[in-house]
Structures are given as structure tokens and as C-alpha cells.
C-alpha atoms as a PDB file:
ATOM      1  CA  UNK A   1     -11.132  -4.817   5.878  1.00  0.00           C
ATOM      2  CA  UNK A   2      -8.252  -3.391   3.669  1.00  0.00           C
ATOM      3  CA  UNK A   3      -9.294  -2.759   0.111  1.00  0.00           C
ATOM      4  CA  UNK A   4      -6.771  -3.196  -2.856  1.00  0.00           C
ATOM      5  CA  UNK A   5      -7.458  -1.756  -6.235  1.00  0.00           C
ATOM      6  CA  UNK A   6      -6.074  -3.670  -9.383  1.00  0.00           C
ATOM      7  CA  UNK A   7      -6.038  -2.144 -12.651  1.00  0.00           C
ATOM      8  CA  UNK A   8      -5.370  -4.593 -15.636  1.00  0.00           C
ATOM      9  CA  UNK A   9      -4.534  -3.283 -19.113  1.00  0.00           C
ATOM     10  CA  UNK A  10      -6.192  -6.414 -20.661  1.00  0.00           C
ATOM     11  CA  UNK A  11      -9.482  -8.181 -20.868  1.00  0.00           C
ATOM     12  CA  UNK A  12     -10.688 -10.473 -18.199  1.00  0.00           C
ATOM     13  CA  UNK A  13     -10.733 -13.419 -20.340  1.00  0.00           C
ATOM     14  CA  UNK A  14      -6.899 -13.379 -21.171  1.00  0.00           C
ATOM     15  CA  UNK A  15      -4.995 -16.070 -19.513  1.00  0.00           C
ATOM     16  CA  UNK A  16      -1.794 -14.508 -18.720  1.00  0.00           C
ATOM     17  CA  UNK A  17      -3.314 -11.376 -16.877  1.00  0.00           C
ATOM     18  CA  UNK A  18      -5.686 -13.913 -15.066  1.00  0.00           C
ATOM     19  CA  UNK A  19      -2.545 -15.774 -14.028  1.00  0.00           C
ATOM     20  CA  UNK A  20      -0.898 -12.805 -12.747  1.00  0.00           C
ATOM     21  CA  UNK A  21      -4.114 -11.745 -10.722  1.00  0.00           C
ATOM     22  CA  UNK A  22      -4.289 -15.300  -9.274  1.00  0.00           C
ATOM     23  CA  UNK A  23      -0.605 -15.195  -8.270  1.00  0.00           C
ATOM     24  CA  UNK A  24      -1.127 -11.809  -6.529  1.00  0.00           C
ATOM     25  CA  UNK A  25      -4.191 -13.287  -4.464  1.00  0.00           C
ATOM     26  CA  UNK A  26      -2.061 -16.323  -3.703  1.00  0.00           C
ATOM     27  CA  UNK A  27       0.720 -14.251  -2.542  1.00  0.00           C
ATOM     28  CA  UNK A  28      -1.669 -12.257  -0.203  1.00  0.00           C
ATOM     29  CA  UNK A  29      -2.991 -15.698   1.192  1.00  0.00           C
ATOM     30  CA  UNK A  30       0.573 -16.909   1.781  1.00  0.00           C
ATOM     31  CA  UNK A  31       1.313 -13.665   3.696  1.00  0.00           C
ATOM     32  CA  UNK A  32      -1.664 -14.435   5.947  1.00  0.00           C
ATOM     33  CA  UNK A  33      -4.270 -12.197   4.154  1.00  0.00           C
ATOM     34  CA  UNK A  34      -7.610 -13.909   3.401  1.00  0.00           C
ATOM     35  CA  UNK A  35      -9.437 -12.399   0.389  1.00  0.00           C
ATOM     36  CA  UNK A  36     -12.920 -11.732   1.326  1.00  0.00           C
ATOM     37  CA  UNK A  37     -12.112 -11.745   5.030  1.00  0.00           C
ATOM     38  CA  UNK A  38      -9.013  -9.352   5.472  1.00  0.00           C
ATOM     39  CA  UNK A  39      -8.796  -7.853   2.156  1.00  0.00           C
ATOM     40  CA  UNK A  40     -11.221  -7.010  -0.805  1.00  0.00           C
ATOM     41  CA  UNK A  41      -9.627  -6.733  -4.342  1.00  0.00           C
ATOM     42  CA  UNK A  42     -11.392  -4.365  -6.683  1.00  0.00           C
ATOM     43  CA  UNK A  43     -10.373  -5.258 -10.078  1.00  0.00           C
ATOM     44  CA  UNK A  44     -10.814  -3.260 -13.396  1.00  0.00           C
ATOM     45  CA  UNK A  45     -10.126  -4.672 -16.714  1.00  0.00           C
ATOM     46  CA  UNK A  46      -9.412  -1.944 -19.113  1.00  0.00           C
ATOM     47  CA  UNK A  47      -9.470  -4.104 -22.286  1.00  0.00           C
ATOM     48  CA  UNK A  48      -6.396  -2.560 -23.784  1.00  0.00           C
ATOM     49  CA  UNK A  49      -8.022   0.784 -24.352  1.00  0.00           C
ATOM     50  CA  UNK A  50      -6.015   3.712 -23.016  1.00  0.00           C
ATOM     51  CA  UNK A  51      -9.110   6.018 -22.439  1.00  0.00           C
ATOM     52  CA  UNK A  52     -10.784   3.209 -20.405  1.00  0.00           C
ATOM     53  CA  UNK A  53      -7.716   2.674 -18.568  1.00  0.00           C
ATOM     54  CA  UNK A  54      -7.710   6.342 -17.507  1.00  0.00           C
ATOM     55  CA  UNK A  55     -11.335   6.243 -16.506  1.00  0.00           C
ATOM     56  CA  UNK A  56     -10.870   3.015 -14.461  1.00  0.00           C
ATOM     57  CA  UNK A  57      -7.759   4.432 -12.672  1.00  0.00           C
ATOM     58  CA  UNK A  58      -9.725   7.531 -11.854  1.00  0.00           C
ATOM     59  CA  UNK A  59     -12.547   5.326 -10.458  1.00  0.00           C
ATOM     60  CA  UNK A  60     -10.169   3.299  -8.350  1.00  0.00           C
ATOM     61  CA  UNK A  61      -8.683   6.470  -6.923  1.00  0.00           C
ATOM     62  CA  UNK A  62     -12.105   7.788  -5.972  1.00  0.00           C
ATOM     63  CA  UNK A  63     -12.697   4.549  -3.989  1.00  0.00           C
ATOM     64  CA  UNK A  64     -10.062   5.755  -1.473  1.00  0.00           C
ATOM     65  CA  UNK A  65      -8.406   2.413  -1.456  1.00  0.00           C
ATOM     66  CA  UNK A  66      -5.569   1.252   0.746  1.00  0.00           C
ATOM     67  CA  UNK A  67      -3.231   0.468  -2.154  1.00  0.00           C
ATOM     68  CA  UNK A  68      -3.521   0.290  -5.986  1.00  0.00           C
ATOM     69  CA  UNK A  69      -1.693  -2.168  -8.153  1.00  0.00           C
ATOM     70  CA  UNK A  70      -1.190  -1.379 -11.723  1.00  0.00           C
ATOM     71  CA  UNK A  71      -0.520  -3.766 -14.488  1.00  0.00           C
ATOM     72  CA  UNK A  72       0.301  -1.507 -17.445  1.00  0.00           C
ATOM     73  CA  UNK A  73       2.803  -1.161 -20.231  1.00  0.00           C
ATOM     74  CA  UNK A  74       4.909   1.320 -22.035  1.00  0.00           C
ATOM     75  CA  UNK A  75       3.857   5.059 -22.250  1.00  0.00           C
ATOM     76  CA  UNK A  76       0.582   4.467 -20.367  1.00  0.00           C
ATOM     77  CA  UNK A  77       2.584   4.113 -17.097  1.00  0.00           C
ATOM     78  CA  UNK A  78       3.183   8.091 -17.206  1.00  0.00           C
ATOM     79  CA  UNK A  79      -0.400   8.763 -17.447  1.00  0.00           C
ATOM     80  CA  UNK A  80      -1.195   6.227 -14.620  1.00  0.00           C
ATOM     81  CA  UNK A  81       1.439   7.750 -12.386  1.00  0.00           C
ATOM     82  CA  UNK A  82      -0.625  10.912 -12.256  1.00  0.00           C
ATOM     83  CA  UNK A  83      -3.791   9.113 -11.562  1.00  0.00           C
ATOM     84  CA  UNK A  84      -2.913   6.275  -9.171  1.00  0.00           C
ATOM     85  CA  UNK A  85      -2.309   6.492  -5.487  1.00  0.00           C
ATOM     86  CA  UNK A  86       0.232   3.842  -4.592  1.00  0.00           C
ATOM     87  CA  UNK A  87      -0.646   3.741  -0.840  1.00  0.00           C
ATOM     88  CA  UNK A  88      -3.005   5.753   1.234  1.00  0.00           C
ATOM     89  CA  UNK A  89      -1.991   8.098   3.965  1.00  0.00           C
ATOM     90  CA  UNK A  90      -3.990   6.213   6.603  1.00  0.00           C
ATOM     91  CA  UNK A  91      -2.087   4.808   9.565  1.00  0.00           C
ATOM     92  CA  UNK A  92      -1.207   1.183   9.552  1.00  0.00           C
ATOM     93  CA  UNK A  93      -3.402  -1.280  11.477  1.00  0.00           C
ATOM     94  CA  UNK A  94      -2.211  -4.439  13.012  1.00  0.00           C
ATOM     95  CA  UNK A  95      -3.279  -7.448  10.940  1.00  0.00           C
ATOM     96  CA  UNK A  96      -5.069 -10.191  12.709  1.00  0.00           C
ATOM     97  CA  UNK A  97      -2.255 -12.618  11.907  1.00  0.00           C
ATOM     98  CA  UNK A  98       0.149 -10.330  13.695  1.00  0.00           C
ATOM     99  CA  UNK A  99       1.698  -8.773  10.470  1.00  0.00           C
ATOM    100  CA  UNK A 100       1.676  -4.935  10.016  1.00  0.00           C
ATOM    101  CA  UNK A 101      -1.132  -3.851   7.730  1.00  0.00           C
END
């Protein structure tokens, strides 16, 4: 199972970030990936706090995820670029639906 880290610079009860996360999961499903079967999403909600955002980013990196998705704004992107791995160096595996993984 592939693991995707999602780092949200918002609280989990905000409608707009929830909608973006739902759209991401829907996009995965439309591409043939089933959340819970083919892919697990590790989401961290950093509640708009820059220090927590950095801690959560470091935590996601430590999980050795296959890919990390960052939803951040402004100057925080520079800090995150130093912490987040965009894609793992692991070799790709063939997805069960025939798509490259």
C-alpha cells in the first residue's frame, strides 16, 4: 500500500481545506486508487501555526512516505521546501489497475 502525507496549514474544521482534501481523495479514486486499499493518506492539520507546521512536516518526513502534498501559503513554502520530500527514491511498482505507481 502506498502512503501519502498531506500537510494542511489550517484547522480540520475549516470547510475550504476539507473540500481540497476531499477533491484530492476523489482525484485518487478517479485515477484508480482506492483510499484504504491501495493508498493510505496521513493528514496533519497544522492549525495555522508555523511552528506546528514545521513539526508536522518533520513528522511526515520521518514516516518515509511515498509522496508528500503540502497545502501552505506565503513564506512558509520556503521552510517546508527544506523539510518535505516530494517523492521517495523507491522504485515504482505497478498499480493493480495497470497504472504506474
